[in-house]
């Protein structure tokens, strides 16, 4: 009998008494190795150390989840592949430095790929391909999640108990446990041993976990009813009021919509289960699952429209490209779930959902793996898009986010910025050079232009000095906390340090600031402006818009609004 023929049906594996001990020892040694790789006398986490640490974390974990008494060769090969993949991603991410700006997404893509590959491997997809039984795959998805979560909880409880024992023994001047906890190697080893032991015990109880899975799915299926009702009302409201109501309610609707779509996906599958004979006969649950299955597509479509609107307005960025990937996956699931009830006029729609799950899981796993490889440079793609928007005039020069090219697009963005700095347009060249020379990110991005324009509209300048006016305007443009309400700027004259003093009166508050009138006016004026007086509350009036704001002589000088003093006197 070949090793592949030793597979058993889900939940029928025999108890293996040595499993908890073996997994505890395996993960304890892996944890110890991770410590010595990552923290030898405070060494930097150079690429080879990061790669080795990733291999030592994910390889043993993959082996622990797949190891069985009758099968160890295939799990060992699978664990080796997982270790190699995650080591390569860690190497690439840790060696990227500032050359790229989306390293975290590479790691996330790798984690998605191996998370989806794990139940597929456990179900035998590497041998059976599309003949793999859906119930096996679905069973492993849930049991892996439950056993992994249970092992994490056990590890946390073990640490709490250890800390309690350390405090107990320290009370009688026995500091052995406390001293061990302070050792880095002990923490890694103890965590690995606790997690491995708990995982081994839980993997020995797959029959019980299978029963627990049924209970969890039953609870989730009950939750599906109110969510289905709420989503039906939500979609009808959006349809009646127009999609603009969603944009007005939140600045970031895409993550919200995708989160609800994921919740709907989980609850649909809680009702659909492994096969038709396992589905509850309760009509309310079946109809709730149908509503949720149909709702995933419009939710994903709204998320796609939201993402497309933002891209049309602000252009591409690495984060938005990754957002496009997430939305595309959601739309694919949404289309499959929407079409399933339509095909065959409702007959067998749940079986078509199960089939779609298998195909889409494999496709998403492959897609995530490809995106984790060094095949695409989202920073370069985004930089080209942003330059095209600037050169075509789609975005004005003063609205263009040069800082994003400097900080958010990696080397490709900085190379594009350098080309702009050497270009023929002096305005663009000056702003590009300014961004290249910046030591810190000022977050002066185009997406805040509406807010900035609103603040500038609130500003009233009560002096004629053009150079000083420009400095004050640039200060308000770059400062998110100035002129959010109607405000007035007053010239207080030259200060003792040779800088011009300006009072900004906003509502019932007054602030004094100084500006270097001899320096050039630029976008960094806000950084050169030093606040020399705190804001002072003024009882009445509480508005400066339409009011008479003036300076009067009085033993000293102070601000008057409609003839009433505001703030404290100043020299």
Protein backbone atom coordinates (compact mmCIF):
# COMPACT_ATOMS: atom_id res chain seq x y z
CA UNK A 1 0.00 0.00 0.00
CA UNK A 2 1.42 3.39 -0.97
CA UNK A 3 1.67 6.24 1.46
CA UNK A 4 -1.06 8.13 -0.37
CA UNK A 5 -3.44 5.24 0.18
CA UNK A 6 -3.22 5.53 3.93
CA UNK A 7 -5.48 8.58 3.99
CA UNK A 8 -8.47 8.26 6.20
CA UNK A 9 -11.79 10.01 6.19
CA UNK A 10 -11.90 13.21 8.18
CA UNK A 11 -12.28 12.68 11.89
CA UNK A 12 -11.53 8.93 11.77
CA UNK A 13 -7.77 9.08 12.47
CA UNK A 14 -6.71 6.93 15.39
CA UNK A 15 -5.41 8.49 18.58
CA UNK A 16 -1.62 8.87 18.61
CA UNK A 17 -0.40 9.17 22.20
CA UNK A 18 3.05 10.37 21.18
CA UNK A 19 1.74 13.25 19.08
CA UNK A 20 1.55 15.89 21.89
CA UNK A 21 5.05 15.04 23.08
CA UNK A 22 6.52 15.04 19.58
CA UNK A 23 4.92 18.32 18.63
CA UNK A 24 5.90 19.92 21.94
CA UNK A 25 9.53 18.89 21.41
CA UNK A 26 9.49 19.92 17.73
CA UNK A 27 8.11 23.41 18.30
CA UNK A 28 10.19 23.96 21.46
CA UNK A 29 13.36 23.24 19.47
CA UNK A 30 12.10 25.44 16.64
CA UNK A 31 11.45 28.27 19.10
CA UNK A 32 14.91 27.88 20.61
CA UNK A 33 16.47 27.97 17.15
CA UNK A 34 14.50 31.12 16.27
CA UNK A 35 15.86 32.81 19.38
CA UNK A 36 19.47 32.03 18.56
CA UNK A 37 19.00 33.10 14.95
CA UNK A 38 17.29 36.40 15.69
CA UNK A 39 18.96 37.51 18.91
CA UNK A 40 22.65 36.57 19.11
CA UNK A 41 23.98 39.32 21.34
CA UNK A 42 21.58 41.84 19.83
CA UNK A 43 22.62 41.26 16.20
CA UNK A 44 20.69 43.06 13.47
CA UNK A 45 18.05 41.03 11.67
CA UNK A 46 19.94 40.86 8.39
CA UNK A 47 18.26 39.14 5.42
CA UNK A 48 19.75 35.70 5.99
CA UNK A 49 18.69 35.76 9.64
CA UNK A 50 15.16 36.88 8.72
CA UNK A 51 14.93 34.12 6.10
CA UNK A 52 16.15 31.43 8.48
CA UNK A 53 13.82 32.62 11.23
CA UNK A 54 10.83 32.50 8.86
CA UNK A 55 11.78 28.97 7.80
CA UNK A 56 12.11 27.88 11.43
CA UNK A 57 8.69 29.31 12.30
CA UNK A 58 6.52 28.29 9.37
CA UNK A 59 8.16 25.01 8.38
CA UNK A 60 7.74 23.30 11.79
CA UNK A 61 4.22 24.73 12.13
CA UNK A 62 3.21 23.28 8.75
CA UNK A 63 4.73 19.92 9.76
CA UNK A 64 2.91 20.00 13.10
CA UNK A 65 -0.47 20.53 11.43
CA UNK A 66 0.02 17.79 8.82
CA UNK A 67 2.05 15.10 10.60
CA UNK A 68 0.30 11.78 11.18
CA UNK A 69 1.54 8.43 12.42
CA UNK A 70 0.91 6.79 9.03
CA UNK A 71 2.18 9.74 6.99
CA UNK A 72 5.33 11.72 7.58
CA UNK A 73 7.18 11.88 4.24
CA UNK A 74 4.64 14.00 2.36
CA UNK A 75 4.10 16.34 5.36
CA UNK A 76 7.88 16.73 5.61
CA UNK A 77 8.10 17.71 1.94
CA UNK A 78 5.15 20.12 2.33
CA UNK A 79 6.75 21.68 5.41
CA UNK A 80 10.01 22.09 3.49
CA UNK A 81 8.19 23.88 0.65
CA UNK A 82 6.42 26.17 3.13
CA UNK A 83 9.72 26.93 4.88
CA UNK A 84 11.40 27.68 1.56
CA UNK A 85 8.59 29.97 0.37
CA UNK A 86 8.39 31.98 3.58
CA UNK A 87 12.18 32.16 3.86
CA UNK A 88 12.38 33.59 0.36
CA UNK A 89 9.68 36.16 1.09
CA UNK A 90 11.36 37.14 4.37
CA UNK A 91 14.72 37.49 2.60
CA UNK A 92 13.21 39.70 -0.07
CA UNK A 93 11.24 41.83 2.40
CA UNK A 94 14.13 42.36 4.83
CA UNK A 95 16.63 43.18 2.08
CA UNK A 96 14.31 45.62 0.31
CA UNK A 97 15.08 48.50 2.67
CA UNK A 98 13.70 51.70 1.16
CA UNK A 99 13.84 50.33 -2.39
CA UNK A 100 10.24 49.18 -2.07
CA UNK A 101 7.28 50.42 -0.04
CA UNK A 102 4.96 47.39 0.18
CA UNK A 103 7.02 44.66 1.89
CA UNK A 104 4.27 43.97 4.42
CA UNK A 105 1.93 43.03 1.57
CA UNK A 106 4.42 40.48 0.24
CA UNK A 107 4.46 38.76 3.61
CA UNK A 108 0.66 38.93 3.84
CA UNK A 109 0.34 37.36 0.38
CA UNK A 110 2.67 34.54 1.41
CA UNK A 111 0.65 33.90 4.56
CA UNK A 112 -2.59 33.78 2.55
CA UNK A 113 -1.02 31.32 0.11
CA UNK A 114 0.21 28.86 2.75
CA UNK A 115 -2.98 29.21 4.81
CA UNK A 116 -5.05 28.14 1.81
CA UNK A 117 -2.55 25.48 0.75
CA UNK A 118 -2.65 23.77 4.17
CA UNK A 119 -6.22 22.34 4.05
CA UNK A 120 -5.84 21.58 0.35
CA UNK A 121 -2.75 19.50 1.10
CA UNK A 122 -4.42 17.80 4.06
CA UNK A 123 -7.35 16.85 1.80
CA UNK A 124 -4.95 15.36 -0.78
CA UNK A 125 -5.36 17.95 -3.53
CA UNK A 126 -1.71 17.47 -4.57
CA UNK A 127 -2.61 13.91 -5.63
CA UNK A 128 -6.32 14.02 -6.42
CA UNK A 129 -6.45 17.45 -8.07
CA UNK A 130 -10.09 18.34 -8.84
CA UNK A 131 -11.26 14.94 -7.63
CA UNK A 132 -10.56 16.07 -4.07
CA UNK A 133 -13.62 15.62 -1.87
CA UNK A 134 -15.09 18.93 -0.78
CA UNK A 135 -16.10 17.61 2.63
CA UNK A 136 -12.46 16.77 3.43
CA UNK A 137 -11.23 20.21 2.47
CA UNK A 138 -14.01 21.98 4.36
CA UNK A 139 -13.43 19.74 7.39
CA UNK A 140 -9.73 20.60 7.50
CA UNK A 141 -10.38 24.33 7.12
CA UNK A 142 -12.53 24.36 10.25
CA UNK A 143 -10.51 21.89 12.33
CA UNK A 144 -7.26 23.72 11.55
CA UNK A 145 -8.85 26.99 12.62
CA UNK A 146 -10.32 25.52 15.81
CA UNK A 147 -7.23 23.57 16.83
CA UNK A 148 -4.91 26.48 16.04
CA UNK A 149 -7.07 28.91 18.03
CA UNK A 150 -7.33 26.43 20.89
CA UNK A 151 -3.56 25.97 20.98
CA UNK A 152 -3.06 29.74 21.09
CA UNK A 153 -5.49 30.03 24.00
CA UNK A 154 -3.70 27.23 25.84
CA UNK A 155 -0.35 28.97 25.28
CA UNK A 156 -1.73 32.19 26.72
CA UNK A 157 -3.17 30.39 29.75
CA UNK A 158 0.16 28.59 30.26
CA UNK A 159 1.97 31.91 30.37
CA UNK A 160 -0.52 33.33 32.86
CA UNK A 161 -0.01 30.29 35.08
CA UNK A 162 3.77 30.59 34.77
CA UNK A 163 3.67 34.26 35.75
CA UNK A 164 1.46 33.41 38.71
CA UNK A 165 3.90 30.73 39.85
CA UNK A 166 6.82 33.13 39.40
CA UNK A 167 5.10 35.68 41.66
CA UNK A 168 4.24 32.97 44.18
CA UNK A 169 7.81 31.68 44.49
CA UNK A 170 9.27 35.18 44.45
CA UNK A 171 7.22 35.87 47.57
CA UNK A 172 9.46 33.37 49.41
CA UNK A 173 12.66 34.61 47.72
CA UNK A 174 12.87 31.83 45.14
CA UNK A 175 13.48 33.66 41.86
CA UNK A 176 14.27 30.72 39.60
CA UNK A 177 11.06 30.93 37.53
CA UNK A 178 11.25 34.72 37.32
CA UNK A 179 14.84 34.53 36.14
CA UNK A 180 13.90 31.96 33.50
CA UNK A 181 11.11 34.17 32.20
CA UNK A 182 13.62 36.99 31.74
CA UNK A 183 15.71 34.78 29.43
CA UNK A 184 14.82 35.21 25.78
CA UNK A 185 15.52 31.60 24.86
CA UNK A 186 13.11 30.36 27.53
CA UNK A 187 10.18 32.41 26.22
CA UNK A 188 10.55 31.07 22.69
CA UNK A 189 11.01 27.47 23.85
CA UNK A 190 8.18 27.56 26.39
CA UNK A 191 5.76 29.08 23.89
CA UNK A 192 6.68 26.50 21.27
CA UNK A 193 6.32 23.61 23.71
CA UNK A 194 2.97 24.82 25.03
CA UNK A 195 1.56 25.42 21.55
CA UNK A 196 2.84 22.08 20.26
CA UNK A 197 1.49 20.10 23.20
CA UNK A 198 -1.94 21.69 22.94
CA UNK A 199 -2.01 21.24 19.16
CA UNK A 200 -1.04 17.57 19.54
CA UNK A 201 -3.83 16.93 22.04
CA UNK A 202 -6.39 18.70 19.84
CA UNK A 203 -5.27 16.90 16.68
CA UNK A 204 -5.81 13.63 18.52
CA UNK A 205 -9.42 14.63 19.12
CA UNK A 206 -10.58 15.39 15.59
CA UNK A 207 -13.83 13.51 16.17
CA UNK A 208 -14.67 15.82 19.05
CA UNK A 209 -13.45 18.85 17.09
CA UNK A 210 -15.66 17.75 14.21
CA UNK A 211 -18.61 17.78 16.59
CA UNK A 212 -17.53 21.19 17.89
CA UNK A 213 -17.30 22.34 14.30
CA UNK A 214 -20.96 21.40 13.80
CA UNK A 215 -21.92 23.37 16.90
CA UNK A 216 -19.94 26.42 15.76
CA UNK A 217 -21.51 26.25 12.30
CA UNK A 218 -24.96 25.96 13.86
CA UNK A 219 -24.37 29.11 15.92
CA UNK A 220 -23.02 30.93 12.85
CA UNK A 221 -26.00 29.83 10.79
CA UNK A 222 -28.33 31.39 13.37
CA UNK A 223 -26.38 34.66 13.13
CA UNK A 224 -26.92 34.51 9.37
CA UNK A 225 -30.61 35.39 9.77
CA UNK A 226 -30.26 38.89 11.30
CA UNK A 227 -27.29 39.69 9.04
CA UNK A 228 -29.31 38.70 5.97
CA UNK A 229 -32.18 40.98 7.06
CA UNK A 230 -29.79 43.86 7.79
CA UNK A 231 -28.00 43.48 4.45
CA UNK A 232 -31.29 43.38 2.55
CA UNK A 233 -32.36 46.64 4.22
CA UNK A 234 -28.92 48.19 3.61
CA UNK A 235 -28.84 47.35 -0.10
CA UNK A 236 -32.41 48.55 -0.60
CA UNK A 237 -31.54 51.82 1.17
CA UNK A 238 -28.48 52.32 -1.03
CA UNK A 239 -30.57 51.55 -4.10
CA UNK A 240 -33.23 54.05 -3.06
CA UNK A 241 -30.91 56.84 -1.87
CA UNK A 242 -28.11 56.43 -4.37
CA UNK A 243 -24.55 55.33 -3.87
CA UNK A 244 -23.49 58.83 -2.80
CA UNK A 245 -25.06 58.27 0.62
CA UNK A 246 -22.37 55.66 1.29
CA UNK A 247 -19.51 57.99 0.32
CA UNK A 248 -20.95 60.75 2.51
CA UNK A 249 -21.20 58.44 5.53
CA UNK A 250 -17.58 57.27 5.61
CA UNK A 251 -14.25 58.21 4.05
CA UNK A 252 -13.16 54.57 3.66
CA UNK A 253 -16.13 52.45 2.57
CA UNK A 254 -14.03 49.76 0.83
CA UNK A 255 -12.65 48.03 3.97
CA UNK A 256 -16.10 48.16 5.58
CA UNK A 257 -17.83 46.66 2.54
CA UNK A 258 -15.21 43.92 2.15
CA UNK A 259 -15.44 43.04 5.85
CA UNK A 260 -19.20 42.63 5.62
CA UNK A 261 -18.78 40.56 2.45
CA UNK A 262 -16.32 38.25 4.25
CA UNK A 263 -18.78 37.89 7.14
CA UNK A 264 -21.49 36.99 4.65
CA UNK A 265 -19.19 34.43 3.01
CA UNK A 266 -18.47 32.73 6.36
CA UNK A 267 -22.12 32.61 7.35
CA UNK A 268 -23.26 31.28 3.98
CA UNK A 269 -20.83 28.39 4.34
CA UNK A 270 -21.98 27.82 7.91
CA UNK A 271 -25.41 27.01 6.47
CA UNK A 272 -24.23 25.26 3.28
CA UNK A 273 -21.84 22.94 5.19
CA UNK A 274 -20.19 19.90 3.57
CA UNK A 275 -23.14 18.38 1.72
CA UNK A 276 -26.89 18.78 1.17
CA UNK A 277 -27.77 16.14 3.76
CA UNK A 278 -26.02 18.22 6.46
CA UNK A 279 -27.95 21.41 5.68
CA UNK A 280 -30.59 22.37 8.22
CA UNK A 281 -34.21 21.94 7.14
CA UNK A 282 -35.10 25.27 8.73
CA UNK A 283 -36.52 27.48 5.99
CA UNK A 284 -35.41 30.70 7.69
CA UNK A 285 -31.77 29.54 7.69
CA UNK A 286 -31.94 28.44 4.05
CA UNK A 287 -33.46 31.74 2.93
CA UNK A 288 -30.94 33.69 5.00
CA UNK A 289 -28.10 31.81 3.30
CA UNK A 290 -29.60 32.59 -0.09
CA UNK A 291 -29.92 36.30 0.70
CA UNK A 292 -26.33 36.44 1.94
CA UNK A 293 -25.07 34.55 -1.12
CA UNK A 294 -26.81 37.07 -3.38
CA UNK A 295 -25.64 40.04 -1.28
CA UNK A 296 -21.90 39.31 -1.53
CA UNK A 297 -21.74 40.41 -5.17
CA UNK A 298 -23.36 43.87 -4.73
CA UNK A 299 -21.17 44.46 -1.66
CA UNK A 300 -18.06 43.56 -3.65
CA UNK A 301 -19.30 45.68 -6.55
CA UNK A 302 -19.78 48.69 -4.26
CA UNK A 303 -16.24 48.14 -2.95
CA UNK A 304 -14.96 48.01 -6.53
CA UNK A 305 -16.78 51.26 -7.38
CA UNK A 306 -15.36 52.90 -4.24
CA UNK A 307 -11.83 51.80 -5.10
CA UNK A 308 -12.22 52.87 -8.72
CA UNK A 309 -13.54 56.28 -7.68
CA UNK A 310 -10.59 56.87 -5.39
CA UNK A 311 -8.12 55.76 -8.05
CA UNK A 312 -9.76 57.99 -10.66
CA UNK A 313 -9.44 60.94 -8.29
CA UNK A 314 -6.01 60.31 -6.76
CA UNK A 315 -4.30 57.82 -9.06
CA UNK A 316 -2.57 54.55 -8.23
CA UNK A 317 -0.41 53.77 -5.21
CA UNK A 318 1.02 50.43 -4.04
CA UNK A 319 -1.66 50.19 -1.34
CA UNK A 320 -4.42 50.82 -3.86
CA UNK A 321 -3.03 48.18 -6.21
CA UNK A 322 -3.16 45.64 -3.38
CA UNK A 323 -6.66 46.90 -2.68
CA UNK A 324 -7.58 46.16 -6.31
CA UNK A 325 -6.37 42.58 -5.80
CA UNK A 326 -8.52 42.16 -2.67
CA UNK A 327 -11.55 43.65 -4.41
CA UNK A 328 -11.02 41.42 -7.47
CA UNK A 329 -11.02 38.31 -5.28
CA UNK A 330 -14.17 39.51 -3.53
CA UNK A 331 -15.88 40.19 -6.85
CA UNK A 332 -14.93 36.71 -8.11
CA UNK A 333 -16.51 35.10 -5.06
CA UNK A 334 -19.49 37.43 -5.34
CA UNK A 335 -20.12 36.54 -8.98
CA UNK A 336 -19.85 32.81 -8.25
CA UNK A 337 -22.24 33.03 -5.31
CA UNK A 338 -24.65 35.26 -7.25
CA UNK A 339 -24.73 32.97 -10.29
CA UNK A 340 -25.12 29.75 -8.25
CA UNK A 341 -28.82 30.26 -7.39
CA UNK A 342 -29.61 31.55 -10.89
CA UNK A 343 -28.19 28.54 -12.71
CA UNK A 344 -30.75 25.75 -12.68
CA UNK A 345 -33.38 28.06 -11.21
CA UNK A 346 -32.38 27.52 -7.57
CA UNK A 347 -32.01 23.75 -7.87
CA UNK A 348 -28.77 22.56 -6.28
CA UNK A 349 -27.38 26.06 -5.73
CA UNK A 350 -25.61 25.03 -2.53
CA UNK A 351 -23.63 22.34 -4.34
CA UNK A 352 -22.55 24.91 -6.91
CA UNK A 353 -21.37 27.16 -4.06
CA UNK A 354 -19.25 24.30 -2.71
CA UNK A 355 -17.74 23.69 -6.11
CA UNK A 356 -17.00 27.41 -6.48
CA UNK A 357 -15.32 27.40 -3.08
CA UNK A 358 -12.87 24.71 -4.16
CA UNK A 359 -11.99 26.36 -7.47
CA UNK A 360 -11.71 29.86 -6.03
CA UNK A 361 -9.60 28.68 -3.08
CA UNK A 362 -7.06 27.13 -5.45
CA UNK A 363 -7.10 30.21 -7.70
CA UNK A 364 -6.65 32.58 -4.73
CA UNK A 365 -3.81 30.44 -3.35
CA UNK A 366 -1.99 30.57 -6.69
CA UNK A 367 -2.64 34.31 -7.09
CA UNK A 368 -1.34 35.08 -3.59
CA UNK A 369 1.78 33.00 -4.23
CA UNK A 370 2.47 34.79 -7.53
CA UNK A 371 2.03 38.21 -5.93
CA UNK A 372 4.47 37.27 -3.17
CA UNK A 373 7.16 36.61 -5.80
CA UNK A 374 9.38 39.40 -7.18
CA UNK A 375 7.46 39.55 -10.45
CA UNK A 376 5.62 42.86 -10.09
CA UNK A 377 6.80 46.23 -8.82
CA UNK A 378 3.68 48.01 -7.63
CA UNK A 379 5.76 51.06 -6.78
CA UNK A 380 6.95 51.41 -10.39
CA UNK A 381 3.44 50.86 -11.76
CA UNK A 382 2.07 53.51 -9.41
CA UNK A 383 4.86 55.99 -10.17
CA UNK A 384 4.22 55.72 -13.92
CA UNK A 385 0.53 56.31 -13.34
CA UNK A 386 1.14 59.37 -11.17
CA UNK A 387 3.57 60.88 -13.69
CA UNK A 388 1.06 60.33 -16.49
CA UNK A 389 -1.60 62.14 -14.45
CA UNK A 390 0.73 65.09 -13.86
CA UNK A 391 1.98 65.31 -17.45
CA UNK A 392 -1.52 65.07 -18.89
CA UNK A 393 -2.76 67.88 -16.65
CA UNK A 394 -5.28 65.62 -14.95
CA UNK A 395 -3.88 66.83 -11.63
CA UNK A 396 -2.65 70.39 -11.07
CA UNK A 397 0.94 70.97 -10.03
CA UNK A 398 -0.03 72.46 -6.65
CA UNK A 399 -2.32 69.48 -6.01
CA UNK A 400 0.23 66.81 -6.95
CA UNK A 401 1.60 64.75 -4.07
CA UNK A 402 5.37 64.93 -4.58
CA UNK A 403 5.90 63.64 -1.04
CA UNK A 404 4.14 60.38 -1.93
CA UNK A 405 6.68 59.77 -4.70
CA UNK A 406 9.45 60.40 -2.19
CA UNK A 407 8.16 58.16 0.60
CA UNK A 408 5.48 55.73 -0.65
CA UNK A 409 6.69 54.35 -4.00
CA UNK A 410 10.20 53.10 -3.21
CA UNK A 411 13.13 53.62 -5.59
CA UNK A 412 10.78 53.89 -8.56
CA UNK A 413 9.06 56.88 -6.98
CA UNK A 414 12.32 58.60 -6.12
CA UNK A 415 13.64 57.99 -9.64
CA UNK A 416 10.48 59.57 -11.06
CA UNK A 417 10.89 62.48 -8.65
CA UNK A 418 14.49 62.96 -9.79
CA UNK A 419 13.33 63.13 -13.43
CA UNK A 420 10.78 65.76 -12.47
CA UNK A 421 13.47 67.73 -10.64
CA UNK A 422 15.55 67.84 -13.85
CA UNK A 423 12.59 68.76 -16.05
CA UNK A 424 11.89 72.00 -17.87
CA UNK A 425 8.95 73.13 -15.74
CA UNK A 426 10.45 75.30 -12.96
CA UNK A 427 7.45 74.96 -10.65
CA UNK A 428 7.48 71.17 -10.88
CA UNK A 429 11.28 71.06 -10.57
CA UNK A 430 11.25 73.20 -7.42
CA UNK A 431 8.59 71.09 -5.71
CA UNK A 432 10.29 67.85 -6.77
CA UNK A 433 13.63 69.04 -5.40
CA UNK A 434 11.97 70.10 -2.17
CA UNK A 435 10.45 66.63 -1.76
CA UNK A 436 13.78 64.92 -2.58
CA UNK A 437 15.61 66.97 0.03
CA UNK A 438 13.00 66.44 2.76
CA UNK A 439 14.28 64.56 5.80
CA UNK A 440 10.83 63.77 7.22
CA UNK A 441 7.42 63.14 5.73
CA UNK A 442 5.20 66.22 5.94
CA UNK A 443 1.98 64.41 4.88
CA UNK A 444 1.01 67.22 2.58
CA UNK A 445 -0.92 64.97 0.21
CA UNK A 446 -3.45 65.67 -2.50
CA UNK A 447 -6.22 63.75 -0.78
CA UNK A 448 -6.45 66.55 1.80
CA UNK A 449 -6.87 69.25 -0.83
CA UNK A 450 -10.58 69.73 -0.19
CA UNK A 451 -9.94 70.25 3.53
CA UNK A 452 -7.07 72.62 2.75
CA UNK A 453 -9.17 74.68 0.33
CA UNK A 454 -11.85 74.94 3.00
CA UNK A 455 -9.33 76.26 5.52
CA UNK A 456 -7.96 78.80 3.04
CA UNK A 457 -11.50 80.00 2.37
CA UNK A 458 -11.86 80.69 6.10
CA UNK A 459 -8.77 82.94 6.16
CA UNK A 460 -9.03 86.76 6.06
CA UNK A 461 -5.78 88.74 5.74
CA UNK A 462 -5.97 92.26 7.28
CA UNK A 463 -2.64 93.57 6.01
CA UNK A 464 -1.18 94.45 2.59
CA UNK A 465 2.36 93.02 2.74
CA UNK A 466 2.37 90.52 -0.14
CA UNK A 467 5.43 88.59 1.07
CA UNK A 468 3.98 88.17 4.55
CA UNK A 469 0.62 87.23 3.09
CA UNK A 470 2.28 84.44 1.11
CA UNK A 471 4.01 83.08 4.21
CA UNK A 472 0.77 83.09 6.21
CA UNK A 473 -1.14 81.42 3.36
CA UNK A 474 1.51 78.72 3.01
CA UNK A 475 1.43 78.19 6.77
CA UNK A 476 -2.35 77.68 6.75
CA UNK A 477 -2.14 75.42 3.68
CA UNK A 478 0.33 73.10 5.38
CA UNK A 479 -1.12 73.17 8.90
CA UNK A 480 -4.09 70.91 9.52
CA UNK A 481 -5.00 72.74 12.74
CA UNK A 482 -5.26 76.34 11.45
CA UNK A 483 -8.42 78.09 10.19
CA UNK A 484 -10.81 75.17 10.48
CA UNK A 485 -13.22 77.93 11.51
CA UNK A 486 -13.35 81.50 10.14
CA UNK A 487 -10.11 83.25 11.11
CA UNK A 488 -8.38 86.60 10.67
CA UNK A 489 -4.64 87.31 10.34
CA UNK A 490 -3.27 90.60 11.76
CA UNK A 491 0.24 92.01 11.23
CA UNK A 492 1.75 92.83 14.65
CA UNK A 493 4.94 94.27 13.21
CA UNK A 494 8.59 93.32 13.68
CA UNK A 495 9.59 91.30 16.70
CA UNK A 496 12.80 91.76 18.71
CA UNK A 497 14.43 88.87 16.83
CA UNK A 498 13.86 90.54 13.46
CA UNK A 499 10.93 88.33 12.46
CA UNK A 500 7.44 89.49 11.65
CA UNK A 501 4.79 88.81 14.26
CA UNK A 502 1.32 87.72 13.11
CA UNK A 503 -1.80 87.12 15.20
CA UNK A 504 -4.23 84.47 13.99
CA UNK A 505 -7.73 84.97 15.43
CA UNK A 506 -9.91 81.88 15.02
CA UNK A 507 -13.37 81.87 16.57
CA UNK A 508 -12.73 82.99 20.14
CA UNK A 509 -9.05 81.94 20.16
CA UNK A 510 -5.92 84.00 19.47
CA UNK A 511 -2.42 82.74 18.61
CA UNK A 512 0.76 84.71 17.90
CA UNK A 513 3.28 83.36 15.42
CA UNK A 514 6.47 84.68 13.88
CA UNK A 515 7.67 84.43 10.27
CA UNK A 516 11.05 84.99 8.67
CA UNK A 517 10.13 87.55 6.05
CA UNK A 518 13.67 87.51 4.63
CA UNK A 519 13.45 83.82 3.64
CA UNK A 520 11.71 82.46 0.54
CA UNK A 521 8.01 81.63 0.78
CA UNK A 522 7.50 77.92 0.29
CA UNK A 523 5.46 74.97 1.45
CA UNK A 524 7.70 74.54 4.52
CA UNK A 525 6.77 77.93 5.94
CA UNK A 526 4.73 76.13 8.58
CA UNK A 527 7.86 74.45 9.87
CA UNK A 528 9.70 77.79 10.10
CA UNK A 529 6.79 79.42 11.87
CA UNK A 530 7.35 79.11 15.60
CA UNK A 531 4.40 79.51 17.91
CA UNK A 532 5.41 82.01 20.58
CA UNK A 533 2.14 82.31 22.49
CA UNK A 534 -0.45 79.79 23.53
CA UNK A 535 -4.07 79.96 22.41
CA UNK A 536 -6.21 82.00 24.76
CA UNK A 537 -9.89 81.39 25.31
CA UNK A 538 -12.17 84.40 24.81
CA UNK A 539 -15.66 84.36 26.35
CA UNK A 540 -17.44 86.55 23.77
CA UNK A 541 -17.88 86.81 20.89
CA UNK A 542 -17.22 83.28 19.63
CA UNK A 543 -17.07 84.13 15.90
CA UNK A 544 -14.53 86.13 13.88
CA UNK A 545 -16.34 85.82 10.54
CA UNK A 546 -18.03 89.09 9.64
CA UNK A 547 -16.73 90.71 12.84
CA UNK A 548 -14.52 93.77 13.14
CA UNK A 549 -11.11 92.54 14.27
CA UNK A 550 -8.60 95.26 15.20
CA UNK A 551 -5.58 96.19 17.28
CA UNK A 552 -5.98 99.04 19.82
CA UNK A 553 -3.40 100.85 21.89
CA UNK A 554 -3.79 100.08 25.60
CA UNK A 555 -0.92 100.16 28.09
CA UNK A 556 0.13 97.31 25.83
CA UNK A 557 -1.60 96.00 22.72
CA UNK A 558 -4.27 93.36 22.37
CA UNK A 559 -6.84 92.00 19.92
CA UNK A 560 -10.39 93.45 19.78
CA UNK A 561 -13.36 91.76 18.12
CA UNK A 562 -16.35 94.05 17.55
CA UNK A 563 -14.84 96.44 20.07
CA UNK A 564 -14.42 93.81 22.78
CA UNK A 565 -10.94 92.66 23.93
CA UNK A 566 -9.88 89.15 22.91
CA UNK A 567 -6.97 87.23 24.41
CA UNK A 568 -4.17 88.62 26.53
CA UNK A 569 -2.27 91.88 25.95
CA UNK A 570 1.02 91.55 24.08
CA UNK A 571 4.07 93.70 23.68
